[in-house]
Amino acid sequence: MANVMEAVTQIFKTLVNDQPEPPIHAGEVMDLWKYAAYIEEAIVLEQIGRNTTIDNDLLKLLDEAVTICSAQSERIQKMMEEFGIPIPPMPSDKPKSEAGAVPAGARMTDDEIANILAAKLLLVTKECCRSMLEAVRSDLGLMWANMLYEQAKFGANLKVKMRERGWLKSPPAYYPPGAPNQ
């Protein structure tokens, strides 16, 4: 199967045809601003999750999520600086702590951590996809496509682990009327 990102990159390159980029528009500015805020909130949630779990697989997923989100945050902020867009207020990083030191009433379960991570991932992938489709500038469209790919790849790994551990929340099976209940 062909690399998805290579295909998307090729599509953007053929569409651009070496034309100068138009000025950034208000919608693209808002997309950058919102994504910067969302991704920084995701980092804080991932750091809190790291501080409240002792599950090695979940710790690896959280570390990977922090790495992806931090790199994307840097990319977004750099682009915002280039365009002169004010950067939204950012939450401060959470210091590392021992999971056992967190009181039981304040500690999230592994199931809760995985599902909060999945919910935040859903939000940022939807934002990437919508921003990519609405971007007038091809450089922004390509950036959104790359970030969508990174998040989707991570999401696929997260879903596999959530299924293995029984953390995945899914609605009951649907059987249309007249179909056998299997």
C-alpha atoms as a PDB file:
ATOM      1  CA  MET A   1       0.000   0.000   0.000  1.00  0.00           C
ATOM      2  CA  ALA A   2       1.346   3.428  -0.930  1.00  0.00           C
ATOM      3  CA  ASN A   3       2.367   5.801   1.832  1.00  0.00           C
ATOM      4  CA  VAL A   4      -0.623   8.027   2.581  1.00  0.00           C
ATOM      5  CA  MET A   5       1.500  11.067   3.365  1.00  0.00           C
ATOM      6  CA  GLU A   6       3.419  10.759   0.101  1.00  0.00           C
ATOM      7  CA  ALA A   7       0.107  10.710  -1.772  1.00  0.00           C
ATOM      8  CA  VAL A   8      -1.236  13.758   0.085  1.00  0.00           C
ATOM      9  CA  THR A   9       2.047  15.605  -0.414  1.00  0.00           C
ATOM     10  CA  GLN A  10       1.959  14.850  -4.125  1.00  0.00           C
ATOM     11  CA  ILE A  11      -1.624  16.118  -4.390  1.00  0.00           C
ATOM     12  CA  PHE A  12      -0.684  19.408  -2.719  1.00  0.00           C
ATOM     13  CA  LYS A  13       2.405  19.796  -4.908  1.00  0.00           C
ATOM     14  CA  THR A  14       0.429  19.316  -8.120  1.00  0.00           C
ATOM     15  CA  LEU A  15      -2.233  21.765  -6.967  1.00  0.00           C
ATOM     16  CA  VAL A  16       0.252  24.465  -6.047  1.00  0.00           C
ATOM     17  CA  ASN A  17       2.143  24.537  -9.317  1.00  0.00           C
ATOM     18  CA  ASP A  18       4.757  26.975  -7.912  1.00  0.00           C
ATOM     19  CA  GLN A  19       2.226  29.789  -7.506  1.00  0.00           C
ATOM     20  CA  PRO A  20       2.853  32.368  -4.779  1.00  0.00           C
ATOM     21  CA  GLU A  21       0.933  31.792  -1.569  1.00  0.00           C
ATOM     22  CA  PRO A  22      -1.966  34.182  -0.903  1.00  0.00           C
ATOM     23  CA  PRO A  23      -1.999  36.116   2.374  1.00  0.00           C
ATOM     24  CA  ILE A  24      -3.191  34.118   5.359  1.00  0.00           C
ATOM     25  CA  HIS A  25      -6.917  34.657   5.983  1.00  0.00           C
ATOM     26  CA  ALA A  26      -8.838  35.074   9.226  1.00  0.00           C
ATOM     27  CA  GLY A  27     -10.091  31.468   9.243  1.00  0.00           C
ATOM     28  CA  GLU A  28      -6.567  30.093   8.917  1.00  0.00           C
ATOM     29  CA  VAL A  29      -5.423  32.376  11.740  1.00  0.00           C
ATOM     30  CA  MET A  30      -8.239  31.107  13.977  1.00  0.00           C
ATOM     31  CA  ASP A  31      -7.398  27.485  13.110  1.00  0.00           C
ATOM     32  CA  LEU A  32      -3.766  27.980  14.126  1.00  0.00           C
ATOM     33  CA  TRP A  33      -4.760  29.762  17.330  1.00  0.00           C
ATOM     34  CA  LYS A  34      -7.319  27.117  18.365  1.00  0.00           C
ATOM     35  CA  TYR A  35      -5.023  24.203  17.550  1.00  0.00           C
ATOM     36  CA  ALA A  36      -2.193  25.750  19.574  1.00  0.00           C
ATOM     37  CA  ALA A  37      -4.532  25.990  22.568  1.00  0.00           C
ATOM     38  CA  TYR A  38      -5.964  22.475  22.092  1.00  0.00           C
ATOM     39  CA  ILE A  39      -2.602  20.786  21.697  1.00  0.00           C
ATOM     40  CA  GLU A  40      -1.152  22.474  24.782  1.00  0.00           C
ATOM     41  CA  GLU A  41      -4.183  21.354  26.813  1.00  0.00           C
ATOM     42  CA  ALA A  42      -3.623  17.837  25.496  1.00  0.00           C
ATOM     43  CA  ILE A  43       0.000  17.922  26.696  1.00  0.00           C
ATOM     44  CA  VAL A  44      -1.129  18.845  30.220  1.00  0.00           C
ATOM     45  CA  LEU A  45      -3.673  16.007  30.257  1.00  0.00           C
ATOM     46  CA  GLU A  46      -1.017  13.585  29.024  1.00  0.00           C
ATOM     47  CA  GLN A  47       1.390  14.751  31.740  1.00  0.00           C
ATOM     48  CA  ILE A  48      -1.293  14.287  34.404  1.00  0.00           C
ATOM     49  CA  GLY A  49      -1.942  10.807  33.023  1.00  0.00           C
ATOM     50  CA  ARG A  50       1.772   9.977  33.273  1.00  0.00           C
ATOM     51  CA  ASN A  51       1.704  11.060  36.915  1.00  0.00           C
ATOM     52  CA  THR A  52      -1.238   8.830  37.817  1.00  0.00           C
ATOM     53  CA  THR A  53      -0.531   5.505  36.106  1.00  0.00           C
ATOM     54  CA  ILE A  54       2.005   2.776  36.690  1.00  0.00           C
ATOM     55  CA  ASP A  55       0.987   0.768  33.594  1.00  0.00           C
ATOM     56  CA  ASN A  56       4.090   0.549  31.373  1.00  0.00           C
ATOM     57  CA  ASP A  57       2.161   0.309  28.102  1.00  0.00           C
ATOM     58  CA  LEU A  58       0.032   3.321  28.969  1.00  0.00           C
ATOM     59  CA  LEU A  59       3.150   5.241  30.074  1.00  0.00           C
ATOM     60  CA  LYS A  60       4.741   4.559  26.674  1.00  0.00           C
ATOM     61  CA  LEU A  61       1.591   5.756  24.892  1.00  0.00           C
ATOM     62  CA  LEU A  62       1.477   8.902  27.020  1.00  0.00           C
ATOM     63  CA  ASP A  63       5.163   9.619  26.382  1.00  0.00           C
ATOM     64  CA  GLU A  64       4.593   9.191  22.642  1.00  0.00           C
ATOM     65  CA  ALA A  65       1.554  11.480  22.798  1.00  0.00           C
ATOM     66  CA  VAL A  66       3.554  14.175  24.629  1.00  0.00           C
ATOM     67  CA  THR A  67       6.326  13.912  22.040  1.00  0.00           C
ATOM     68  CA  ILE A  68       3.902  14.259  19.108  1.00  0.00           C
ATOM     69  CA  CYS A  69       1.934  17.096  20.693  1.00  0.00           C
ATOM     70  CA  SER A  70       5.064  18.998  21.746  1.00  0.00           C
ATOM     71  CA  ALA A  71       6.529  18.806  18.236  1.00  0.00           C
ATOM     72  CA  GLN A  72       3.222  19.947  16.734  1.00  0.00           C
ATOM     73  CA  SER A  73       2.931  22.777  19.238  1.00  0.00           C
ATOM     74  CA  GLU A  74       6.411  24.004  18.302  1.00  0.00           C
ATOM     75  CA  ARG A  75       5.516  23.844  14.593  1.00  0.00           C
ATOM     76  CA  ILE A  76       2.273  25.752  15.105  1.00  0.00           C
ATOM     77  CA  GLN A  77       3.857  28.407  17.321  1.00  0.00           C
ATOM     78  CA  LYS A  78       6.713  28.918  14.870  1.00  0.00           C
ATOM     79  CA  MET A  79       4.216  29.438  12.049  1.00  0.00           C
ATOM     80  CA  MET A  80       2.165  31.810  14.201  1.00  0.00           C
ATOM     81  CA  GLU A  81       5.285  33.851  14.950  1.00  0.00           C
ATOM     82  CA  GLU A  82       6.123  34.009  11.223  1.00  0.00           C
ATOM     83  CA  PHE A  83       2.651  35.396  10.490  1.00  0.00           C
ATOM     84  CA  GLY A  84       2.638  37.733  13.515  1.00  0.00           C
ATOM     85  CA  ILE A  85      -0.263  35.905  15.158  1.00  0.00           C
ATOM     86  CA  PRO A  86      -0.443  36.262  18.952  1.00  0.00           C
ATOM     87  CA  ILE A  87       0.081  32.938  20.700  1.00  0.00           C
ATOM     88  CA  PRO A  88      -2.732  31.942  23.081  1.00  0.00           C
ATOM     89  CA  PRO A  89      -1.998  31.691  26.800  1.00  0.00           C
ATOM     90  CA  MET A  90      -0.386  28.315  27.411  1.00  0.00           C
ATOM     91  CA  PRO A  91      -0.778  26.166  30.514  1.00  0.00           C
ATOM     92  CA  SER A  92       2.406  25.347  32.385  1.00  0.00           C
ATOM     93  CA  ASP A  93       3.898  21.862  32.264  1.00  0.00           C
ATOM     94  CA  LYS A  94       3.075  19.534  35.106  1.00  0.00           C
ATOM     95  CA  PRO A  95       6.091  18.311  37.059  1.00  0.00           C
ATOM     96  CA  LYS A  96       6.669  14.565  37.196  1.00  0.00           C
ATOM     97  CA  SER A  97       5.415  12.852  40.332  1.00  0.00           C
ATOM     98  CA  GLU A  98       5.029   9.341  41.674  1.00  0.00           C
ATOM     99  CA  ALA A  99       1.677   7.727  40.888  1.00  0.00           C
ATOM    100  CA  GLY A 100       1.560   6.240  44.378  1.00  0.00           C
ATOM    101  CA  ALA A 101       1.799   9.720  45.909  1.00  0.00           C
ATOM    102  CA  VAL A 102      -1.457  10.785  44.249  1.00  0.00           C
ATOM    103  CA  PRO A 103      -4.421  10.163  46.589  1.00  0.00           C
ATOM    104  CA  ALA A 104      -6.841   7.520  45.328  1.00  0.00           C
ATOM    105  CA  GLY A 105      -9.679  10.049  45.097  1.00  0.00           C
ATOM    106  CA  ALA A 106      -7.611  12.283  42.809  1.00  0.00           C
ATOM    107  CA  ARG A 107      -5.978   9.553  40.733  1.00  0.00           C
ATOM    108  CA  MET A 108      -7.439   8.637  37.356  1.00  0.00           C
ATOM    109  CA  THR A 109      -7.763   4.976  36.441  1.00  0.00           C
ATOM    110  CA  ASP A 110      -5.920   3.619  33.411  1.00  0.00           C
ATOM    111  CA  ASP A 111      -9.280   3.261  31.667  1.00  0.00           C
ATOM    112  CA  GLU A 112     -10.086   6.931  32.330  1.00  0.00           C
ATOM    113  CA  ILE A 113      -6.651   8.084  31.185  1.00  0.00           C
ATOM    114  CA  ALA A 114      -6.869   6.105  27.936  1.00  0.00           C
ATOM    115  CA  ASN A 115     -10.382   7.387  27.181  1.00  0.00           C
ATOM    116  CA  ILE A 116      -9.494  11.020  27.954  1.00  0.00           C
ATOM    117  CA  LEU A 117      -6.472  10.623  25.679  1.00  0.00           C
ATOM    118  CA  ALA A 118      -8.721   9.183  22.955  1.00  0.00           C
ATOM    119  CA  ALA A 119     -11.269  12.002  23.364  1.00  0.00           C
ATOM    120  CA  LYS A 120      -8.605  14.704  23.066  1.00  0.00           C
ATOM    121  CA  LEU A 121      -7.134  12.850  20.072  1.00  0.00           C
ATOM    122  CA  LEU A 122     -10.555  12.872  18.409  1.00  0.00           C
ATOM    123  CA  LEU A 123     -10.809  16.632  18.893  1.00  0.00           C
ATOM    124  CA  VAL A 124      -7.390  17.414  17.406  1.00  0.00           C
ATOM    125  CA  THR A 125      -7.766  15.052  14.444  1.00  0.00           C
ATOM    126  CA  LYS A 126     -11.113  16.632  13.572  1.00  0.00           C
ATOM    127  CA  GLU A 127      -9.519  20.078  13.799  1.00  0.00           C
ATOM    128  CA  CYS A 128      -6.596  18.998  11.589  1.00  0.00           C
ATOM    129  CA  CYS A 129      -8.932  17.537   8.987  1.00  0.00           C
ATOM    130  CA  ARG A 130     -11.272  20.526   8.908  1.00  0.00           C
ATOM    131  CA  SER A 131      -8.385  23.009   8.866  1.00  0.00           C
ATOM    132  CA  MET A 132      -6.687  21.095   6.051  1.00  0.00           C
ATOM    133  CA  LEU A 133      -9.830  21.156   3.928  1.00  0.00           C
ATOM    134  CA  GLU A 134     -10.517  24.850   4.574  1.00  0.00           C
ATOM    135  CA  ALA A 135      -6.935  26.052   4.087  1.00  0.00           C
ATOM    136  CA  VAL A 136      -6.424  28.327   1.092  1.00  0.00           C
ATOM    137  CA  ARG A 137      -2.655  28.322   1.478  1.00  0.00           C
ATOM    138  CA  SER A 138      -1.088  25.068   0.325  1.00  0.00           C
ATOM    139  CA  ASP A 139       1.714  25.281   2.907  1.00  0.00           C
ATOM    140  CA  LEU A 140      -0.899  25.311   5.662  1.00  0.00           C
ATOM    141  CA  GLY A 141      -2.899  22.534   4.008  1.00  0.00           C
ATOM    142  CA  LEU A 142       0.203  20.347   3.851  1.00  0.00           C
ATOM    143  CA  MET A 143       1.113  21.118   7.459  1.00  0.00           C
ATOM    144  CA  TRP A 144      -2.397  20.119   8.598  1.00  0.00           C
ATOM    145  CA  ALA A 145      -2.193  16.920   6.515  1.00  0.00           C
ATOM    146  CA  ASN A 146       1.126  16.006   8.136  1.00  0.00           C
ATOM    147  CA  MET A 147      -0.202  16.631  11.634  1.00  0.00           C
ATOM    148  CA  LEU A 148      -3.369  14.666  10.868  1.00  0.00           C
ATOM    149  CA  TYR A 149      -1.234  11.748   9.723  1.00  0.00           C
ATOM    150  CA  GLU A 150       0.872  11.850  12.909  1.00  0.00           C
ATOM    151  CA  GLN A 151      -2.199  11.928  15.133  1.00  0.00           C
ATOM    152  CA  ALA A 152      -4.040   9.237  13.134  1.00  0.00           C
ATOM    153  CA  LYS A 153      -1.044   6.916  13.278  1.00  0.00           C
ATOM    154  CA  PHE A 154      -0.856   7.388  17.041  1.00  0.00           C
ATOM    155  CA  GLY A 155      -4.620   6.894  17.318  1.00  0.00           C
ATOM    156  CA  ALA A 156      -4.422   3.539  15.554  1.00  0.00           C
ATOM    157  CA  ASN A 157      -1.858   2.321  18.105  1.00  0.00           C
ATOM    158  CA  LEU A 158      -3.929   3.706  20.969  1.00  0.00           C
ATOM    159  CA  LYS A 159      -7.063   1.921  19.763  1.00  0.00           C
ATOM    160  CA  VAL A 160      -5.256  -1.418  19.522  1.00  0.00           C
ATOM    161  CA  LYS A 161      -4.006  -1.075  23.101  1.00  0.00           C
ATOM    162  CA  MET A 162      -7.424   0.048  24.334  1.00  0.00           C
ATOM    163  CA  ARG A 163      -9.060  -3.000  22.745  1.00  0.00           C
ATOM    164  CA  GLU A 164      -6.450  -5.336  24.245  1.00  0.00           C
ATOM    165  CA  ARG A 165      -6.986  -3.890  27.714  1.00  0.00           C
ATOM    166  CA  GLY A 166     -10.770  -3.591  27.558  1.00  0.00           C
ATOM    167  CA  TRP A 167     -10.587   0.212  27.858  1.00  0.00           C
ATOM    168  CA  LEU A 168     -12.354   0.935  24.573  1.00  0.00           C
ATOM    169  CA  LYS A 169     -15.865   2.205  25.123  1.00  0.00           C
ATOM    170  CA  SER A 170     -18.175   1.268  22.288  1.00  0.00           C
ATOM    171  CA  PRO A 171     -21.939   1.276  21.855  1.00  0.00           C
ATOM    172  CA  PRO A 172     -23.860  -1.988  21.855  1.00  0.00           C
ATOM    173  CA  ALA A 173     -23.997  -3.987  18.642  1.00  0.00           C
ATOM    174  CA  TYR A 174     -26.833  -3.097  16.314  1.00  0.00           C
ATOM    175  CA  TYR A 175     -28.891  -5.805  14.700  1.00  0.00           C
ATOM    176  CA  PRO A 176     -31.355  -4.545  12.099  1.00  0.00           C
ATOM    177  CA  PRO A 177     -34.908  -5.854  12.397  1.00  0.00           C
ATOM    178  CA  GLY A 178     -35.194  -9.333  10.944  1.00  0.00           C
ATOM    179  CA  ALA A 179     -31.453 -10.019  11.114  1.00  0.00           C
ATOM    180  CA  PRO A 180     -30.298 -12.949  13.211  1.00  0.00           C
ATOM    181  CA  ASN A 181     -28.913 -12.018  16.631  1.00  0.00           C
ATOM    182  CA  GLN A 182     -25.354 -13.260  16.557  1.00  0.00           C
END
